């Protein structure tokens, strides 16, 4: 019983420690560079995003969910009409269409950023 109770706080503690170390180290490095007189433009990425990140996330999430829905429909059609085993057709169609949706989302995101 004791091990189940302690695992979750340990996982959250490790995630917090990694994030804390990452951000505190980055802040210290930037402060040291500023003290030496480095230009602040080195902290900005060379390429700025023209499309907000939330639009990209919503686009990819929408296409993923549409792919999952299409996979369920196609799996159901294969199961009923082609008399294939539902244990194979449903997961296969869902994963195939979800992957297709993510691939389409990748190409659409690439076109959005142009």
PDB file of N, CA and C in Angstrom:
ATOM      1  N   UNK A   1       0.819  -1.197   0.000  1.00  0.00           N
ATOM      2  CA  UNK A   1       0.000   0.000   0.000  1.00  0.00           C
ATOM      3  C   UNK A   1       0.860   1.255   0.000  1.00  0.00           C
ATOM      4  N   UNK A   2       1.972   1.216   0.674  1.00  0.00           N
ATOM      5  CA  UNK A   2       2.801   2.404   0.800  1.00  0.00           C
ATOM      6  C   UNK A   2       3.447   2.835  -0.499  1.00  0.00           C
ATOM      7  N   UNK A   3       3.789   1.887  -1.357  1.00  0.00           N
ATOM      8  CA  UNK A   3       4.470   2.248  -2.600  1.00  0.00           C
ATOM      9  C   UNK A   3       3.552   2.976  -3.575  1.00  0.00           C
ATOM     10  N   UNK A   4       2.264   2.666  -3.554  1.00  0.00           N
ATOM     11  CA  UNK A   4       1.334   3.353  -4.451  1.00  0.00           C
ATOM     12  C   UNK A   4       1.158   4.807  -4.050  1.00  0.00           C
ATOM     13  N   UNK A   5       1.221   5.084  -2.779  1.00  0.00           N
ATOM     14  CA  UNK A   5       1.008   6.430  -2.281  1.00  0.00           C
ATOM     15  C   UNK A   5       2.215   7.320  -2.571  1.00  0.00           C
ATOM     16  N   UNK A   6       3.395   6.758  -2.578  1.00  0.00           N
ATOM     17  CA  UNK A   6       4.604   7.567  -2.727  1.00  0.00           C
ATOM     18  C   UNK A   6       5.017   7.776  -4.186  1.00  0.00           C
ATOM     19  N   UNK A   7       4.530   6.969  -5.099  1.00  0.00           N
ATOM     20  CA  UNK A   7       4.964   7.066  -6.492  1.00  0.00           C
ATOM     21  C   UNK A   7       4.505   8.374  -7.127  1.00  0.00           C
ATOM     22  N   UNK A   8       3.268   8.764  -6.938  1.00  0.00           N
ATOM     23  CA  UNK A   8       2.739   9.973  -7.560  1.00  0.00           C
ATOM     24  C   UNK A   8       3.470  11.242  -7.099  1.00  0.00           C
ATOM     25  N   UNK A   9       3.691  11.453  -5.799  1.00  0.00           N
ATOM     26  CA  UNK A   9       4.468  12.638  -5.406  1.00  0.00           C
ATOM     27  C   UNK A   9       5.907  12.619  -5.927  1.00  0.00           C
ATOM     28  N   UNK A  10       6.488  11.458  -6.043  1.00  0.00           N
ATOM     29  CA  UNK A  10       7.847  11.370  -6.569  1.00  0.00           C
ATOM     30  C   UNK A  10       7.868  11.786  -8.042  1.00  0.00           C
ATOM     31  N   UNK A  11       6.894  11.342  -8.809  1.00  0.00           N
ATOM     32  CA  UNK A  11       6.828  11.712 -10.229  1.00  0.00           C
ATOM     33  C   UNK A  11       6.663  13.218 -10.372  1.00  0.00           C
ATOM     34  N   UNK A  12       5.729  13.810  -9.612  1.00  0.00           N
ATOM     35  CA  UNK A  12       5.539  15.260  -9.675  1.00  0.00           C
ATOM     36  C   UNK A  12       6.772  16.010  -9.186  1.00  0.00           C
ATOM     37  N   UNK A  13       7.430  15.483  -8.168  1.00  0.00           N
ATOM     38  CA  UNK A  13       8.647  16.116  -7.663  1.00  0.00           C
ATOM     39  C   UNK A  13       9.766  16.119  -8.691  1.00  0.00           C
ATOM     40  N   UNK A  14       9.920  15.025  -9.412  1.00  0.00           N
ATOM     41  CA  UNK A  14      10.961  14.946 -10.444  1.00  0.00           C
ATOM     42  C   UNK A  14      10.656  15.920 -11.577  1.00  0.00           C
ATOM     43  N   UNK A  15       9.400  15.983 -12.005  1.00  0.00           N
ATOM     44  CA  UNK A  15       9.029  16.921 -13.071  1.00  0.00           C
ATOM     45  C   UNK A  15       9.276  18.359 -12.629  1.00  0.00           C
ATOM     46  N   UNK A  16       8.896  18.693 -11.390  1.00  0.00           N
ATOM     47  CA  UNK A  16       9.125  20.038 -10.878  1.00  0.00           C
ATOM     48  C   UNK A  16      10.619  20.349 -10.794  1.00  0.00           C
ATOM     49  N   UNK A  17      11.409  19.393 -10.320  1.00  0.00           N
ATOM     50  CA  UNK A  17      12.853  19.623 -10.182  1.00  0.00           C
ATOM     51  C   UNK A  17      13.509  19.858 -11.542  1.00  0.00           C
ATOM     52  N   UNK A  18      13.127  19.097 -12.539  1.00  0.00           N
ATOM     53  CA  UNK A  18      13.693  19.275 -13.881  1.00  0.00           C
ATOM     54  C   UNK A  18      13.321  20.647 -14.431  1.00  0.00           C
ATOM     55  N   UNK A  19      12.057  21.036 -14.292  1.00  0.00           N
ATOM     56  CA  UNK A  19      11.628  22.345 -14.785  1.00  0.00           C
ATOM     57  C   UNK A  19      12.331  23.464 -14.029  1.00  0.00           C
ATOM     58  N   UNK A  20      12.460  23.337 -12.711  1.00  0.00           N
ATOM     59  CA  UNK A  20      13.124  24.364 -11.910  1.00  0.00           C
ATOM     60  C   UNK A  20      14.586  24.514 -12.312  1.00  0.00           C
ATOM     61  N   UNK A  21      15.274  23.401 -12.446  1.00  0.00           N
ATOM     62  CA  UNK A  21      16.682  23.470 -12.845  1.00  0.00           C
ATOM     63  C   UNK A  21      16.847  24.063 -14.238  1.00  0.00           C
ATOM     64  N   UNK A  22      15.975  23.709 -15.151  1.00  0.00           N
ATOM     65  CA  UNK A  22      16.067  24.233 -16.514  1.00  0.00           C
ATOM     66  C   UNK A  22      15.911  25.752 -16.522  1.00  0.00           C
ATOM     67  N   UNK A  23      14.845  26.241 -15.887  1.00  0.00           N
ATOM     68  CA  UNK A  23      14.583  27.677 -15.933  1.00  0.00           C
ATOM     69  C   UNK A  23      15.569  28.486 -15.097  1.00  0.00           C
ATOM     70  N   UNK A  24      15.982  27.969 -13.941  1.00  0.00           N
ATOM     71  CA  UNK A  24      16.936  28.728 -13.128  1.00  0.00           C
ATOM     72  C   UNK A  24      18.308  28.781 -13.802  1.00  0.00           C
ATOM     73  N   UNK A  25      18.731  27.684 -14.434  1.00  0.00           N
ATOM     74  CA  UNK A  25      20.018  27.683 -15.132  1.00  0.00           C
ATOM     75  C   UNK A  25      19.970  28.620 -16.334  1.00  0.00           C
ATOM     76  N   UNK A  26      18.888  28.609 -17.070  1.00  0.00           N
ATOM     77  CA  UNK A  26      18.757  29.489 -18.227  1.00  0.00           C
ATOM     78  C   UNK A  26      18.790  30.951 -17.793  1.00  0.00           C
ATOM     79  N   UNK A  27      18.122  31.264 -16.683  1.00  0.00           N
ATOM     80  CA  UNK A  27      18.109  32.629 -16.183  1.00  0.00           C
ATOM     81  C   UNK A  27      19.520  33.066 -15.764  1.00  0.00           C
ATOM     82  N   UNK A  28      20.247  32.195 -15.077  1.00  0.00           N
ATOM     83  CA  UNK A  28      21.609  32.532 -14.641  1.00  0.00           C
ATOM     84  C   UNK A  28      22.540  32.749 -15.834  1.00  0.00           C
ATOM     85  N   UNK A  29      22.398  31.920 -16.864  1.00  0.00           N
ATOM     86  CA  UNK A  29      23.232  32.079 -18.054  1.00  0.00           C
ATOM     87  C   UNK A  29      22.939  33.409 -18.746  1.00  0.00           C
ATOM     88  N   UNK A  30      21.683  33.760 -18.845  1.00  0.00           N
ATOM     89  CA  UNK A  30      21.315  35.021 -19.490  1.00  0.00           C
ATOM     90  C   UNK A  30      21.801  36.218 -18.692  1.00  0.00           C
ATOM     91  N   UNK A  31      21.674  36.149 -17.373  1.00  0.00           N
ATOM     92  CA  UNK A  31      22.163  37.247 -16.543  1.00  0.00           C
ATOM     93  C   UNK A  31      23.677  37.411 -16.680  1.00  0.00           C
ATOM     94  N   UNK A  32      24.396  36.295 -16.750  1.00  0.00           N
ATOM     95  CA  UNK A  32      25.849  36.370 -16.904  1.00  0.00           C
ATOM     96  C   UNK A  32      26.224  36.984 -18.256  1.00  0.00           C
ATOM     97  N   UNK A  33      25.508  36.636 -19.294  1.00  0.00           N
ATOM     98  CA  UNK A  33      25.789  37.212 -20.609  1.00  0.00           C
ATOM     99  C   UNK A  33      25.466  38.707 -20.643  1.00  0.00           C
ATOM    100  N   UNK A  34      24.389  39.099 -19.982  1.00  0.00           N
ATOM    101  CA  UNK A  34      24.037  40.517 -19.956  1.00  0.00           C
ATOM    102  C   UNK A  34      25.081  41.314 -19.175  1.00  0.00           C
ATOM    103  N   UNK A  35      25.580  40.737 -18.069  1.00  0.00           N
ATOM    104  CA  UNK A  35      26.612  41.421 -17.289  1.00  0.00           C
ATOM    105  C   UNK A  35      27.896  41.617 -18.088  1.00  0.00           C
ATOM    106  N   UNK A  36      28.169  40.685 -18.987  1.00  0.00           N
ATOM    107  CA  UNK A  36      29.371  40.808 -19.820  1.00  0.00           C
ATOM    108  C   UNK A  36      29.165  41.769 -20.988  1.00  0.00           C
ATOM    109  N   UNK A  37      27.943  42.227 -21.175  1.00  0.00           N
ATOM    110  CA  UNK A  37      27.675  43.194 -22.233  1.00  0.00           C
ATOM    111  C   UNK A  37      27.211  42.584 -23.539  1.00  0.00           C
ATOM    112  N   UNK A  38      26.702  41.377 -23.523  1.00  0.00           N
ATOM    113  CA  UNK A  38      26.211  40.745 -24.751  1.00  0.00           C
ATOM    114  C   UNK A  38      24.903  41.407 -25.174  1.00  0.00           C
ATOM    115  N   UNK A  39      24.664  41.389 -26.471  1.00  0.00           N
ATOM    116  CA  UNK A  39      23.448  41.978 -27.026  1.00  0.00           C
ATOM    117  C   UNK A  39      22.249  41.102 -26.668  1.00  0.00           C
ATOM    118  N   UNK A  40      21.118  41.707 -26.354  1.00  0.00           N
ATOM    119  CA  UNK A  40      19.923  40.969 -25.946  1.00  0.00           C
ATOM    120  C   UNK A  40      19.278  40.225 -27.106  1.00  0.00           C
ATOM    121  N   UNK A  41      19.645  40.536 -28.328  1.00  0.00           N
ATOM    122  CA  UNK A  41      19.023  39.884 -29.478  1.00  0.00           C
ATOM    123  C   UNK A  41      19.429  38.415 -29.600  1.00  0.00           C
ATOM    124  N   UNK A  42      20.441  37.972 -28.875  1.00  0.00           N
ATOM    125  CA  UNK A  42      20.834  36.562 -28.967  1.00  0.00           C
ATOM    126  C   UNK A  42      19.832  35.653 -28.268  1.00  0.00           C
ATOM    127  N   UNK A  43      18.958  36.229 -27.419  1.00  0.00           N
ATOM    128  CA  UNK A  43      17.961  35.423 -26.728  1.00  0.00           C
ATOM    129  C   UNK A  43      16.729  35.161 -27.568  1.00  0.00           C
ATOM    130  N   UNK A  44      16.572  35.883 -28.654  1.00  0.00           N
ATOM    131  CA  UNK A  44      15.415  35.723 -29.529  1.00  0.00           C
ATOM    132  C   UNK A  44      15.808  34.782 -30.650  1.00  0.00           C
ATOM    133  N   UNK A  45      14.926  33.852 -30.958  1.00  0.00           N
ATOM    134  CA  UNK A  45      15.184  32.939 -32.072  1.00  0.00           C
ATOM    135  C   UNK A  45      15.299  33.725 -33.368  1.00  0.00           C
ATOM    136  N   UNK A  46      16.061  33.193 -34.298  1.00  0.00           N
ATOM    137  CA  UNK A  46      16.274  33.877 -35.566  1.00  0.00           C
ATOM    138  C   UNK A  46      15.005  34.009 -36.386  1.00  0.00           C
ATOM    139  N   UNK A  47      14.071  33.081 -36.229  1.00  0.00           N
ATOM    140  CA  UNK A  47      12.854  33.086 -37.025  1.00  0.00           C
ATOM    141  C   UNK A  47      11.666  33.322 -36.102  1.00  0.00           C
ATOM    142  N   UNK A  48      10.891  34.331 -36.380  1.00  0.00           N
ATOM    143  CA  UNK A  48       9.698  34.590 -35.584  1.00  0.00           C
ATOM    144  C   UNK A  48       8.507  33.894 -36.219  1.00  0.00           C
ATOM    145  N   UNK A  49       7.590  33.450 -35.381  1.00  0.00           N
ATOM    146  CA  UNK A  49       6.400  32.771 -35.876  1.00  0.00           C
ATOM    147  C   UNK A  49       5.393  33.792 -36.387  1.00  0.00           C
ATOM    148  N   UNK A  50       4.849  33.513 -37.550  1.00  0.00           N
ATOM    149  CA  UNK A  50       3.811  34.377 -38.082  1.00  0.00           C
ATOM    150  C   UNK A  50       2.433  33.899 -37.636  1.00  0.00           C
ATOM    151  N   UNK A  51       2.320  32.620 -37.322  1.00  0.00           N
ATOM    152  CA  UNK A  51       1.049  32.039 -36.903  1.00  0.00           C
ATOM    153  C   UNK A  51       1.136  31.744 -35.405  1.00  0.00           C
ATOM    154  N   UNK A  52       0.143  32.158 -34.633  1.00  0.00           N
ATOM    155  CA  UNK A  52       0.173  31.850 -33.196  1.00  0.00           C
ATOM    156  C   UNK A  52       0.142  30.340 -32.954  1.00  0.00           C
ATOM    157  N   UNK A  53       0.799  29.911 -31.881  1.00  0.00           N
ATOM    158  CA  UNK A  53       0.916  28.474 -31.594  1.00  0.00           C
ATOM    159  C   UNK A  53      -0.443  27.853 -31.291  1.00  0.00           C
ATOM    160  N   UNK A  54      -1.378  28.625 -30.713  1.00  0.00           N
ATOM    161  CA  UNK A  54      -2.673  28.051 -30.382  1.00  0.00           C
ATOM    162  C   UNK A  54      -3.451  27.672 -31.636  1.00  0.00           C
ATOM    163  N   UNK A  55      -3.251  28.389 -32.742  1.00  0.00           N
ATOM    164  CA  UNK A  55      -3.926  28.022 -33.992  1.00  0.00           C
ATOM    165  C   UNK A  55      -3.382  26.709 -34.534  1.00  0.00           C
ATOM    166  N   UNK A  56      -2.091  26.507 -34.396  1.00  0.00           N
ATOM    167  CA  UNK A  56      -1.475  25.271 -34.867  1.00  0.00           C
ATOM    168  C   UNK A  56      -1.960  24.090 -34.040  1.00  0.00           C
ATOM    169  N   UNK A  57      -2.045  24.271 -32.721  1.00  0.00           N
ATOM    170  CA  UNK A  57      -2.507  23.189 -31.843  1.00  0.00           C
ATOM    171  C   UNK A  57      -3.960  22.840 -32.145  1.00  0.00           C
ATOM    172  N   UNK A  58      -4.797  23.851 -32.310  1.00  0.00           N
ATOM    173  CA  UNK A  58      -6.213  23.591 -32.594  1.00  0.00           C
ATOM    174  C   UNK A  58      -6.374  22.894 -33.943  1.00  0.00           C
ATOM    175  N   UNK A  59      -5.613  23.320 -34.949  1.00  0.00           N
ATOM    176  CA  UNK A  59      -5.690  22.692 -36.266  1.00  0.00           C
ATOM    177  C   UNK A  59      -5.310  21.216 -36.188  1.00  0.00           C
ATOM    178  N   UNK A  60      -4.184  20.922 -35.532  1.00  0.00           N
ATOM    179  CA  UNK A  60      -3.736  19.535 -35.440  1.00  0.00           C
ATOM    180  C   UNK A  60      -4.670  18.693 -34.578  1.00  0.00           C
ATOM    181  N   UNK A  61      -5.194  19.247 -33.493  1.00  0.00           N
ATOM    182  CA  UNK A  61      -6.121  18.508 -32.651  1.00  0.00           C
ATOM    183  C   UNK A  61      -7.420  18.216 -33.399  1.00  0.00           C
ATOM    184  N   UNK A  62      -7.923  19.198 -34.150  1.00  0.00           N
ATOM    185  CA  UNK A  62      -9.155  18.996 -34.916  1.00  0.00           C
ATOM    186  C   UNK A  62      -8.963  17.904 -35.967  1.00  0.00           C
ATOM    187  N   UNK A  63      -7.834  17.942 -36.674  1.00  0.00           N
ATOM    188  CA  UNK A  63      -7.598  16.922 -37.692  1.00  0.00           C
ATOM    189  C   UNK A  63      -7.387  15.544 -37.067  1.00  0.00           C
ATOM    190  N   UNK A  64      -6.765  15.495 -35.888  1.00  0.00           N
ATOM    191  CA  UNK A  64      -6.600  14.214 -35.201  1.00  0.00           C
ATOM    192  C   UNK A  64      -7.951  13.638 -34.811  1.00  0.00           C
ATOM    193  N   UNK A  65      -8.816  14.456 -34.233  1.00  0.00           N
ATOM    194  CA  UNK A  65     -10.133  13.970 -33.826  1.00  0.00           C
ATOM    195  C   UNK A  65     -10.991  13.581 -35.029  1.00  0.00           C
ATOM    196  N   UNK A  66     -10.894  14.337 -36.124  1.00  0.00           N
ATOM    197  CA  UNK A  66     -11.630  13.960 -37.333  1.00  0.00           C
ATOM    198  C   UNK A  66     -11.100  12.639 -37.891  1.00  0.00           C
ATOM    199  N   UNK A  67      -9.791  12.431 -37.808  1.00  0.00           N
ATOM    200  CA  UNK A  67      -9.212  11.169 -38.258  1.00  0.00           C
ATOM    201  C   UNK A  67      -9.674  10.001 -37.412  1.00  0.00           C
ATOM    202  N   UNK A  68      -9.763  10.201 -36.094  1.00  0.00           N
ATOM    203  CA  UNK A  68     -10.251   9.138 -35.214  1.00  0.00           C
ATOM    204  C   UNK A  68     -11.707   8.817 -35.536  1.00  0.00           C
ATOM    205  N   UNK A  69     -12.517   9.849 -35.743  1.00  0.00           N
ATOM    206  CA  UNK A  69     -13.920   9.620 -36.105  1.00  0.00           C
ATOM    207  C   UNK A  69     -14.059   8.893 -37.426  1.00  0.00           C
ATOM    208  N   UNK A  70     -13.270   9.290 -38.414  1.00  0.00           N
ATOM    209  CA  UNK A  70     -13.309   8.601 -39.709  1.00  0.00           C
ATOM    210  C   UNK A  70     -12.824   7.170 -39.574  1.00  0.00           C
ATOM    211  N   UNK A  71     -11.841   6.943 -38.702  1.00  0.00           N
ATOM    212  CA  UNK A  71     -11.345   5.579 -38.475  1.00  0.00           C
ATOM    213  C   UNK A  71     -12.404   4.685 -37.852  1.00  0.00           C
ATOM    214  N   UNK A  72     -13.195   5.238 -36.946  1.00  0.00           N
ATOM    215  CA  UNK A  72     -14.280   4.458 -36.342  1.00  0.00           C
ATOM    216  C   UNK A  72     -15.323   4.087 -37.396  1.00  0.00           C
ATOM    217  N   UNK A  73     -15.656   5.049 -38.257  1.00  0.00           N
ATOM    218  CA  UNK A  73     -16.645   4.783 -39.310  1.00  0.00           C
ATOM    219  C   UNK A  73     -16.113   3.735 -40.287  1.00  0.00           C
ATOM    220  N   UNK A  74     -14.877   3.903 -40.736  1.00  0.00           N
ATOM    221  CA  UNK A  74     -14.300   2.959 -41.701  1.00  0.00           C
ATOM    222  C   UNK A  74     -14.136   1.578 -41.073  1.00  0.00           C
ATOM    223  N   UNK A  75     -13.708   1.530 -39.816  1.00  0.00           N
ATOM    224  CA  UNK A  75     -13.596   0.235 -39.130  1.00  0.00           C
ATOM    225  C   UNK A  75     -14.933  -0.459 -38.989  1.00  0.00           C
ATOM    226  N   UNK A  76     -15.969   0.323 -38.684  1.00  0.00           N
ATOM    227  CA  UNK A  76     -17.306  -0.263 -38.590  1.00  0.00           C
ATOM    228  C   UNK A  76     -17.800  -0.772 -39.933  1.00  0.00           C
ATOM    229  N   UNK A  77     -17.519  -0.026 -40.995  1.00  0.00           N
ATOM    230  CA  UNK A  77     -17.921  -0.490 -42.336  1.00  0.00           C
ATOM    231  C   UNK A  77     -17.172  -1.761 -42.722  1.00  0.00           C
ATOM    232  N   UNK A  78     -15.888  -1.825 -42.445  1.00  0.00           N
ATOM    233  CA  UNK A  78     -15.124  -3.034 -42.754  1.00  0.00           C
ATOM    234  C   UNK A  78     -15.612  -4.220 -41.942  1.00  0.00           C
ATOM    235  N   UNK A  79     -15.996  -3.963 -40.710  1.00  0.00           N
ATOM    236  CA  UNK A  79     -16.453  -5.040 -39.844  1.00  0.00           C
ATOM    237  C   UNK A  79     -17.797  -5.587 -40.315  1.00  0.00           C
ATOM    238  N   UNK A  80     -18.718  -4.687 -40.664  1.00  0.00           N
ATOM    239  CA  UNK A  80     -20.052  -5.129 -41.056  1.00  0.00           C
ATOM    240  C   UNK A  80     -20.109  -5.622 -42.506  1.00  0.00           C
ATOM    241  N   UNK A  81     -19.545  -4.850 -43.427  1.00  0.00           N
ATOM    242  CA  UNK A  81     -19.713  -5.156 -44.844  1.00  0.00           C
ATOM    243  C   UNK A  81     -18.727  -6.196 -45.357  1.00  0.00           C
ATOM    244  N   UNK A  82     -17.487  -6.147 -44.873  1.00  0.00           N
ATOM    245  CA  UNK A  82     -16.482  -7.085 -45.373  1.00  0.00           C
ATOM    246  C   UNK A  82     -16.357  -8.322 -44.497  1.00  0.00           C
ATOM    247  N   UNK A  83     -17.134  -8.375 -43.416  1.00  0.00           N
ATOM    248  CA  UNK A  83     -17.134  -9.513 -42.488  1.00  0.00           C
ATOM    249  C   UNK A  83     -15.737  -9.825 -41.957  1.00  0.00           C
ATOM    250  N   UNK A  84     -14.983  -8.759 -41.659  1.00  0.00           N
ATOM    251  CA  UNK A  84     -13.671  -8.935 -41.055  1.00  0.00           C
ATOM    252  C   UNK A  84     -13.816  -8.890 -39.547  1.00  0.00           C
ATOM    253  N   UNK A  85     -12.802  -9.372 -38.848  1.00  0.00           N
ATOM    254  CA  UNK A  85     -12.815  -9.419 -37.395  1.00  0.00           C
ATOM    255  C   UNK A  85     -12.743  -7.992 -36.830  1.00  0.00           C
ATOM    256  N   UNK A  86     -13.643  -7.663 -35.916  1.00  0.00           N
ATOM    257  CA  UNK A  86     -13.696  -6.314 -35.353  1.00  0.00           C
ATOM    258  C   UNK A  86     -12.464  -6.009 -34.501  1.00  0.00           C
ATOM    259  N   UNK A  87     -11.850  -7.033 -33.913  1.00  0.00           N
ATOM    260  CA  UNK A  87     -10.656  -6.813 -33.089  1.00  0.00           C
ATOM    261  C   UNK A  87      -9.472  -6.334 -33.913  1.00  0.00           C
ATOM    262  N   UNK A  88      -9.510  -6.551 -35.206  1.00  0.00           N
ATOM    263  CA  UNK A  88      -8.414  -6.126 -36.075  1.00  0.00           C
ATOM    264  C   UNK A  88      -8.794  -4.859 -36.836  1.00  0.00           C
ATOM    265  N   UNK A  89     -10.007  -4.803 -37.356  1.00  0.00           N
ATOM    266  CA  UNK A  89     -10.372  -3.682 -38.221  1.00  0.00           C
ATOM    267  C   UNK A  89     -10.532  -2.371 -37.464  1.00  0.00           C
ATOM    268  N   UNK A  90     -11.129  -2.384 -36.285  1.00  0.00           N
ATOM    269  CA  UNK A  90     -11.377  -1.135 -35.562  1.00  0.00           C
ATOM    270  C   UNK A  90     -10.084  -0.433 -35.146  1.00  0.00           C
ATOM    271  N   UNK A  91      -9.171  -1.086 -34.401  1.00  0.00           N
ATOM    272  CA  UNK A  91      -7.942  -0.370 -34.039  1.00  0.00           C
ATOM    273  C   UNK A  91      -7.091  -0.006 -35.254  1.00  0.00           C
ATOM    274  N   UNK A  92      -7.058  -0.898 -36.233  1.00  0.00           N
ATOM    275  CA  UNK A  92      -6.265  -0.615 -37.424  1.00  0.00           C
ATOM    276  C   UNK A  92      -6.768   0.595 -38.179  1.00  0.00           C
ATOM    277  N   UNK A  93      -8.067   0.683 -38.373  1.00  0.00           N
ATOM    278  CA  UNK A  93      -8.638   1.822 -39.086  1.00  0.00           C
ATOM    279  C   UNK A  93      -8.492   3.112 -38.280  1.00  0.00           C
ATOM    280  N   UNK A  94      -8.669   3.021 -36.959  1.00  0.00           N
ATOM    281  CA  UNK A  94      -8.549   4.214 -36.121  1.00  0.00           C
ATOM    282  C   UNK A  94      -7.129   4.759 -36.169  1.00  0.00           C
ATOM    283  N   UNK A  95      -6.139   3.896 -35.974  1.00  0.00           N
ATOM    284  CA  UNK A  95      -4.750   4.352 -35.990  1.00  0.00           C
ATOM    285  C   UNK A  95      -4.334   4.850 -37.376  1.00  0.00           C
ATOM    286  N   UNK A  96      -4.790   4.178 -38.415  1.00  0.00           N
ATOM    287  CA  UNK A  96      -4.451   4.601 -39.774  1.00  0.00           C
ATOM    288  C   UNK A  96      -5.020   5.981 -40.077  1.00  0.00           C
ATOM    289  N   UNK A  97      -6.264   6.209 -39.746  1.00  0.00           N
ATOM    290  CA  UNK A  97      -6.886   7.496 -40.048  1.00  0.00           C
ATOM    291  C   UNK A  97      -6.393   8.603 -39.113  1.00  0.00           C
ATOM    292  N   UNK A  98      -6.082   8.272 -37.854  1.00  0.00           N
ATOM    293  CA  UNK A  98      -5.525   9.279 -36.943  1.00  0.00           C
ATOM    294  C   UNK A  98      -4.148   9.720 -37.434  1.00  0.00           C
ATOM    295  N   UNK A  99      -3.348   8.774 -37.881  1.00  0.00           N
ATOM    296  CA  UNK A  99      -2.043   9.118 -38.443  1.00  0.00           C
ATOM    297  C   UNK A  99      -2.157   9.936 -39.706  1.00  0.00           C
ATOM    298  N   UNK A 100      -3.134   9.605 -40.528  1.00  0.00           N
ATOM    299  CA  UNK A 100      -3.373  10.387 -41.743  1.00  0.00           C
ATOM    300  C   UNK A 100      -3.786  11.811 -41.392  1.00  0.00           C
ATOM    301  N   UNK A 101      -4.635  11.962 -40.384  1.00  0.00           N
ATOM    302  CA  UNK A 101      -5.042  13.292 -39.944  1.00  0.00           C
ATOM    303  C   UNK A 101      -3.870  14.108 -39.430  1.00  0.00           C
ATOM    304  N   UNK A 102      -2.967  13.483 -38.677  1.00  0.00           N
ATOM    305  CA  UNK A 102      -1.787  14.193 -38.186  1.00  0.00           C
ATOM    306  C   UNK A 102      -0.840  14.565 -39.323  1.00  0.00           C
ATOM    307  N   UNK A 103      -0.720  13.689 -40.316  1.00  0.00           N
ATOM    308  CA  UNK A 103       0.126  13.993 -41.470  1.00  0.00           C
ATOM    309  C   UNK A 103      -0.439  15.181 -42.260  1.00  0.00           C
ATOM    310  N   UNK A 104      -1.742  15.193 -42.451  1.00  0.00           N
ATOM    311  CA  UNK A 104      -2.377  16.319 -43.131  1.00  0.00           C
ATOM    312  C   UNK A 104      -2.187  17.598 -42.312  1.00  0.00           C
ATOM    313  N   UNK A 105      -2.298  17.482 -40.988  1.00  0.00           N
ATOM    314  CA  UNK A 105      -2.084  18.631 -40.119  1.00  0.00           C
ATOM    315  C   UNK A 105      -0.662  19.160 -40.213  1.00  0.00           C
ATOM    316  N   UNK A 106       0.302  18.263 -40.350  1.00  0.00           N
ATOM    317  CA  UNK A 106       1.692  18.690 -40.503  1.00  0.00           C
ATOM    318  C   UNK A 106       1.868  19.518 -41.767  1.00  0.00           C
ATOM    319  N   UNK A 107       1.325  19.034 -42.872  1.00  0.00           N
ATOM    320  CA  UNK A 107       1.470  19.760 -44.136  1.00  0.00           C
ATOM    321  C   UNK A 107       0.683  21.068 -44.127  1.00  0.00           C
ATOM    322  N   UNK A 108      -0.488  21.082 -43.496  1.00  0.00           N
ATOM    323  CA  UNK A 108      -1.260  22.313 -43.412  1.00  0.00           C
ATOM    324  C   UNK A 108      -0.549  23.346 -42.529  1.00  0.00           C
ATOM    325  N   UNK A 109       0.083  22.896 -41.450  1.00  0.00           N
ATOM    326  CA  UNK A 109       0.839  23.793 -40.578  1.00  0.00           C
ATOM    327  C   UNK A 109       2.038  24.368 -41.325  1.00  0.00           C
ATOM    328  N   UNK A 110       2.689  23.539 -42.114  1.00  0.00           N
ATOM    329  CA  UNK A 110       3.828  24.016 -42.901  1.00  0.00           C
ATOM    330  C   UNK A 110       3.385  25.080 -43.894  1.00  0.00           C
ATOM    331  N   UNK A 111       2.220  24.905 -44.490  1.00  0.00           N
ATOM    332  CA  UNK A 111       1.688  25.904 -45.425  1.00  0.00           C
ATOM    333  C   UNK A 111       1.237  27.177 -44.703  1.00  0.00           C
ATOM    334  N   UNK A 112       0.757  27.053 -43.457  1.00  0.00           N
ATOM    335  CA  UNK A 112       0.337  28.227 -42.698  1.00  0.00           C
ATOM    336  C   UNK A 112       1.524  29.135 -42.379  1.00  0.00           C
ATOM    337  N   UNK A 113       2.683  28.542 -42.125  1.00  0.00           N
ATOM    338  CA  UNK A 113       3.848  29.315 -41.706  1.00  0.00           C
ATOM    339  C   UNK A 113       4.556  29.983 -42.868  1.00  0.00           C
ATOM    340  N   UNK A 114       4.169  29.665 -44.103  1.00  0.00           N
ATOM    341  CA  UNK A 114       4.814  30.306 -45.263  1.00  0.00           C
ATOM    342  C   UNK A 114       4.288  31.697 -45.486  1.00  0.00           C
TER     343      UNK A 114
END
